[in-house]
C-alpha atoms as a PDB file:
ATOM      1  CA  UNK A   1     -31.883 -68.379 -22.972  1.00  0.00           C
ATOM      2  CA  UNK A   2     -34.769 -66.468 -24.550  1.00  0.00           C
ATOM      3  CA  UNK A   3     -36.949 -64.075 -22.600  1.00  0.00           C
ATOM      4  CA  UNK A   4     -40.530 -63.285 -23.737  1.00  0.00           C
ATOM      5  CA  UNK A   5     -42.569 -60.415 -22.479  1.00  0.00           C
ATOM      6  CA  UNK A   6     -46.222 -60.021 -23.333  1.00  0.00           C
ATOM      7  CA  UNK A   7     -48.160 -56.785 -23.266  1.00  0.00           C
ATOM      8  CA  UNK A   8     -51.458 -55.381 -24.453  1.00  0.00           C
ATOM      9  CA  UNK A   9     -53.940 -57.260 -22.359  1.00  0.00           C
ATOM     10  CA  UNK A  10     -56.795 -55.563 -20.518  1.00  0.00           C
ATOM     11  CA  UNK A  11     -60.542 -55.201 -20.093  1.00  0.00           C
ATOM     12  CA  UNK A  12     -62.686 -54.774 -23.225  1.00  0.00           C
ATOM     13  CA  UNK A  13     -66.420 -55.069 -24.049  1.00  0.00           C
ATOM     14  CA  UNK A  14     -67.719 -57.841 -26.200  1.00  0.00           C
ATOM     15  CA  UNK A  15     -67.230 -57.004 -29.887  1.00  0.00           C
ATOM     16  CA  UNK A  16     -64.133 -54.967 -29.065  1.00  0.00           C
ATOM     17  CA  UNK A  17     -60.495 -55.386 -30.058  1.00  0.00           C
ATOM     18  CA  UNK A  18     -57.097 -55.799 -28.426  1.00  0.00           C
ATOM     19  CA  UNK A  19     -53.645 -56.168 -29.778  1.00  0.00           C
ATOM     20  CA  UNK A  20     -51.216 -58.312 -27.832  1.00  0.00           C
ATOM     21  CA  UNK A  21     -47.459 -57.971 -28.266  1.00  0.00           C
ATOM     22  CA  UNK A  22     -44.672 -60.353 -27.407  1.00  0.00           C
ATOM     23  CA  UNK A  23     -41.166 -59.038 -27.302  1.00  0.00           C
ATOM     24  CA  UNK A  24     -38.240 -61.391 -27.302  1.00  0.00           C
ATOM     25  CA  UNK A  25     -34.727 -60.834 -26.057  1.00  0.00           C
ATOM     26  CA  UNK A  26     -31.662 -62.935 -25.355  1.00  0.00           C
ATOM     27  CA  UNK A  27     -30.640 -65.703 -27.778  1.00  0.00           C
ATOM     28  CA  UNK A  28     -33.242 -64.703 -30.338  1.00  0.00           C
ATOM     29  CA  UNK A  29     -31.275 -66.309 -33.151  1.00  0.00           C
ATOM     30  CA  UNK A  30     -32.573 -69.615 -31.729  1.00  0.00           C
ATOM     31  CA  UNK A  31     -36.205 -68.589 -32.057  1.00  0.00           C
ATOM     32  CA  UNK A  32     -38.092 -69.898 -35.081  1.00  0.00           C
ATOM     33  CA  UNK A  33     -41.614 -70.906 -34.362  1.00  0.00           C
ATOM     34  CA  UNK A  34     -43.701 -68.697 -32.127  1.00  0.00           C
ATOM     35  CA  UNK A  35     -47.175 -69.185 -30.776  1.00  0.00           C
ATOM     36  CA  UNK A  36     -49.931 -67.854 -28.608  1.00  0.00           C
ATOM     37  CA  UNK A  37     -51.741 -69.965 -26.069  1.00  0.00           C
ATOM     38  CA  UNK A  38     -54.439 -69.077 -23.515  1.00  0.00           C
ATOM     39  CA  UNK A  39     -55.674 -70.474 -20.272  1.00  0.00           C
ATOM     40  CA  UNK A  40     -59.027 -69.560 -18.796  1.00  0.00           C
ATOM     41  CA  UNK A  41     -59.740 -70.026 -15.090  1.00  0.00           C
ATOM     42  CA  UNK A  42     -60.280 -73.704 -14.309  1.00  0.00           C
ATOM     43  CA  UNK A  43     -59.471 -74.788 -17.797  1.00  0.00           C
ATOM     44  CA  UNK A  44     -56.543 -76.349 -19.587  1.00  0.00           C
ATOM     45  CA  UNK A  45     -54.146 -74.223 -21.558  1.00  0.00           C
ATOM     46  CA  UNK A  46     -55.124 -74.202 -25.261  1.00  0.00           C
ATOM     47  CA  UNK A  47     -53.524 -73.319 -28.570  1.00  0.00           C
ATOM     48  CA  UNK A  48     -54.581 -70.067 -30.186  1.00  0.00           C
ATOM     49  CA  UNK A  49     -52.209 -69.304 -33.071  1.00  0.00           C
ATOM     50  CA  UNK A  50     -48.709 -69.881 -34.309  1.00  0.00           C
ATOM     51  CA  UNK A  51     -46.362 -68.487 -36.953  1.00  0.00           C
ATOM     52  CA  UNK A  52     -43.114 -69.577 -38.542  1.00  0.00           C
ATOM     53  CA  UNK A  53     -39.888 -67.508 -38.533  1.00  0.00           C
ATOM     54  CA  UNK A  54     -40.558 -65.937 -41.923  1.00  0.00           C
ATOM     55  CA  UNK A  55     -44.340 -65.714 -41.477  1.00  0.00           C
ATOM     56  CA  UNK A  56     -44.954 -68.074 -44.359  1.00  0.00           C
ATOM     57  CA  UNK A  57     -46.686 -70.654 -42.215  1.00  0.00           C
ATOM     58  CA  UNK A  58     -49.549 -69.569 -39.941  1.00  0.00           C
ATOM     59  CA  UNK A  59     -51.950 -71.681 -37.909  1.00  0.00           C
ATOM     60  CA  UNK A  60     -55.069 -70.841 -35.981  1.00  0.00           C
ATOM     61  CA  UNK A  61     -57.362 -72.680 -33.620  1.00  0.00           C
ATOM     62  CA  UNK A  62     -60.816 -73.023 -35.166  1.00  0.00           C
ATOM     63  CA  UNK A  63     -62.432 -70.851 -32.556  1.00  0.00           C
ATOM     64  CA  UNK A  64     -60.355 -67.755 -33.506  1.00  0.00           C
ATOM     65  CA  UNK A  65     -60.311 -68.052 -37.304  1.00  0.00           C
ATOM     66  CA  UNK A  66     -61.590 -64.899 -38.865  1.00  0.00           C
ATOM     67  CA  UNK A  67     -61.296 -62.970 -35.663  1.00  0.00           C
ATOM     68  CA  UNK A  68     -57.617 -63.141 -34.608  1.00  0.00           C
ATOM     69  CA  UNK A  69     -54.546 -62.392 -36.676  1.00  0.00           C
ATOM     70  CA  UNK A  70     -50.994 -63.380 -35.762  1.00  0.00           C
ATOM     71  CA  UNK A  71     -48.102 -61.480 -37.254  1.00  0.00           C
ATOM     72  CA  UNK A  72     -44.404 -61.040 -36.714  1.00  0.00           C
ATOM     73  CA  UNK A  73     -41.687 -58.434 -37.246  1.00  0.00           C
ATOM     74  CA  UNK A  74     -38.540 -60.472 -37.414  1.00  0.00           C
ATOM     75  CA  UNK A  75     -36.183 -57.480 -37.306  1.00  0.00           C
ATOM     76  CA  UNK A  76     -37.782 -56.412 -34.010  1.00  0.00           C
ATOM     77  CA  UNK A  77     -38.076 -59.953 -32.641  1.00  0.00           C
ATOM     78  CA  UNK A  78     -41.673 -59.263 -31.858  1.00  0.00           C
ATOM     79  CA  UNK A  79     -44.902 -61.177 -32.552  1.00  0.00           C
ATOM     80  CA  UNK A  80     -48.410 -59.789 -32.322  1.00  0.00           C
ATOM     81  CA  UNK A  81     -51.900 -61.138 -31.891  1.00  0.00           C
ATOM     82  CA  UNK A  82     -54.612 -58.788 -33.184  1.00  0.00           C
ATOM     83  CA  UNK A  83     -57.916 -59.867 -31.577  1.00  0.00           C
ATOM     84  CA  UNK A  84     -61.124 -58.533 -33.056  1.00  0.00           C
ATOM     85  CA  UNK A  85     -64.795 -59.316 -32.356  1.00  0.00           C
ATOM     86  CA  UNK A  86     -63.905 -60.455 -28.885  1.00  0.00           C
ATOM     87  CA  UNK A  87     -66.327 -62.590 -26.964  1.00  0.00           C
ATOM     88  CA  UNK A  88     -66.682 -63.208 -23.211  1.00  0.00           C
ATOM     89  CA  UNK A  89     -65.387 -66.762 -23.744  1.00  0.00           C
ATOM     90  CA  UNK A  90     -62.108 -65.237 -24.978  1.00  0.00           C
ATOM     91  CA  UNK A  91     -61.409 -64.210 -21.351  1.00  0.00           C
ATOM     92  CA  UNK A  92     -58.131 -65.828 -20.311  1.00  0.00           C
ATOM     93  CA  UNK A  93     -54.452 -65.315 -19.616  1.00  0.00           C
ATOM     94  CA  UNK A  94     -52.655 -65.203 -22.923  1.00  0.00           C
ATOM     95  CA  UNK A  95     -49.165 -66.593 -23.217  1.00  0.00           C
ATOM     96  CA  UNK A  96     -46.479 -66.193 -25.867  1.00  0.00           C
ATOM     97  CA  UNK A  97     -44.207 -69.069 -26.565  1.00  0.00           C
ATOM     98  CA  UNK A  98     -41.115 -69.741 -28.725  1.00  0.00           C
ATOM     99  CA  UNK A  99     -39.147 -72.702 -29.966  1.00  0.00           C
ATOM    100  CA  UNK A 100     -36.070 -73.307 -32.146  1.00  0.00           C
ATOM    101  CA  UNK A 101     -38.000 -75.170 -34.722  1.00  0.00           C
ATOM    102  CA  UNK A 102     -41.184 -74.929 -36.749  1.00  0.00           C
ATOM    103  CA  UNK A 103     -44.330 -73.753 -34.992  1.00  0.00           C
ATOM    104  CA  UNK A 104     -46.546 -76.277 -33.235  1.00  0.00           C
ATOM    105  CA  UNK A 105     -50.135 -76.665 -32.159  1.00  0.00           C
ATOM    106  CA  UNK A 106     -48.979 -78.316 -28.997  1.00  0.00           C
ATOM    107  CA  UNK A 107     -47.403 -76.925 -25.820  1.00  0.00           C
ATOM    108  CA  UNK A 108     -43.977 -78.270 -26.699  1.00  0.00           C
ATOM    109  CA  UNK A 109     -42.329 -74.852 -26.795  1.00  0.00           C
ATOM    110  CA  UNK A 110     -39.009 -74.175 -25.116  1.00  0.00           C
ATOM    111  CA  UNK A 111     -39.661 -70.668 -23.876  1.00  0.00           C
ATOM    112  CA  UNK A 112     -42.739 -69.035 -22.330  1.00  0.00           C
ATOM    113  CA  UNK A 113     -43.702 -65.556 -21.281  1.00  0.00           C
ATOM    114  CA  UNK A 114     -45.418 -64.690 -18.027  1.00  0.00           C
ATOM    115  CA  UNK A 115     -48.743 -63.978 -19.663  1.00  0.00           C
ATOM    116  CA  UNK A 116     -51.078 -61.071 -20.106  1.00  0.00           C
ATOM    117  CA  UNK A 117     -54.654 -61.061 -18.881  1.00  0.00           C
ATOM    118  CA  UNK A 118     -57.542 -60.458 -21.280  1.00  0.00           C
ATOM    119  CA  UNK A 119     -61.023 -59.924 -19.880  1.00  0.00           C
ATOM    120  CA  UNK A 120     -63.998 -59.490 -22.163  1.00  0.00           C
ATOM    121  CA  UNK A 121     -67.193 -58.222 -20.565  1.00  0.00           C
ATOM    122  CA  UNK A 122     -70.640 -58.976 -21.882  1.00  0.00           C
END
């Protein structure tokens, strides 16, 4: 099993920044692709960003390109999501996910965190 714990969410004004962290523990040797997803109230969960084990492959949803940056410290089994120029429409619960294969745009990840709430005020 792999456990994922997100942190770093909170309340921020539009235009502000937040940095989300996702710490992994357990059978981390089985973790390769990692991703961030979000779910706003009343909406479907959607892909935000993903990164491969060595960081060589990175993917972003179109709506965050140029504003969000995903990164990873393999030695610490931690992945980050730096979110800049936040907009009210970025308000959602953000979830970290992991899988023992290459990263994916889809929700076909094996392990999920509990989520961290991000609220952007206008």
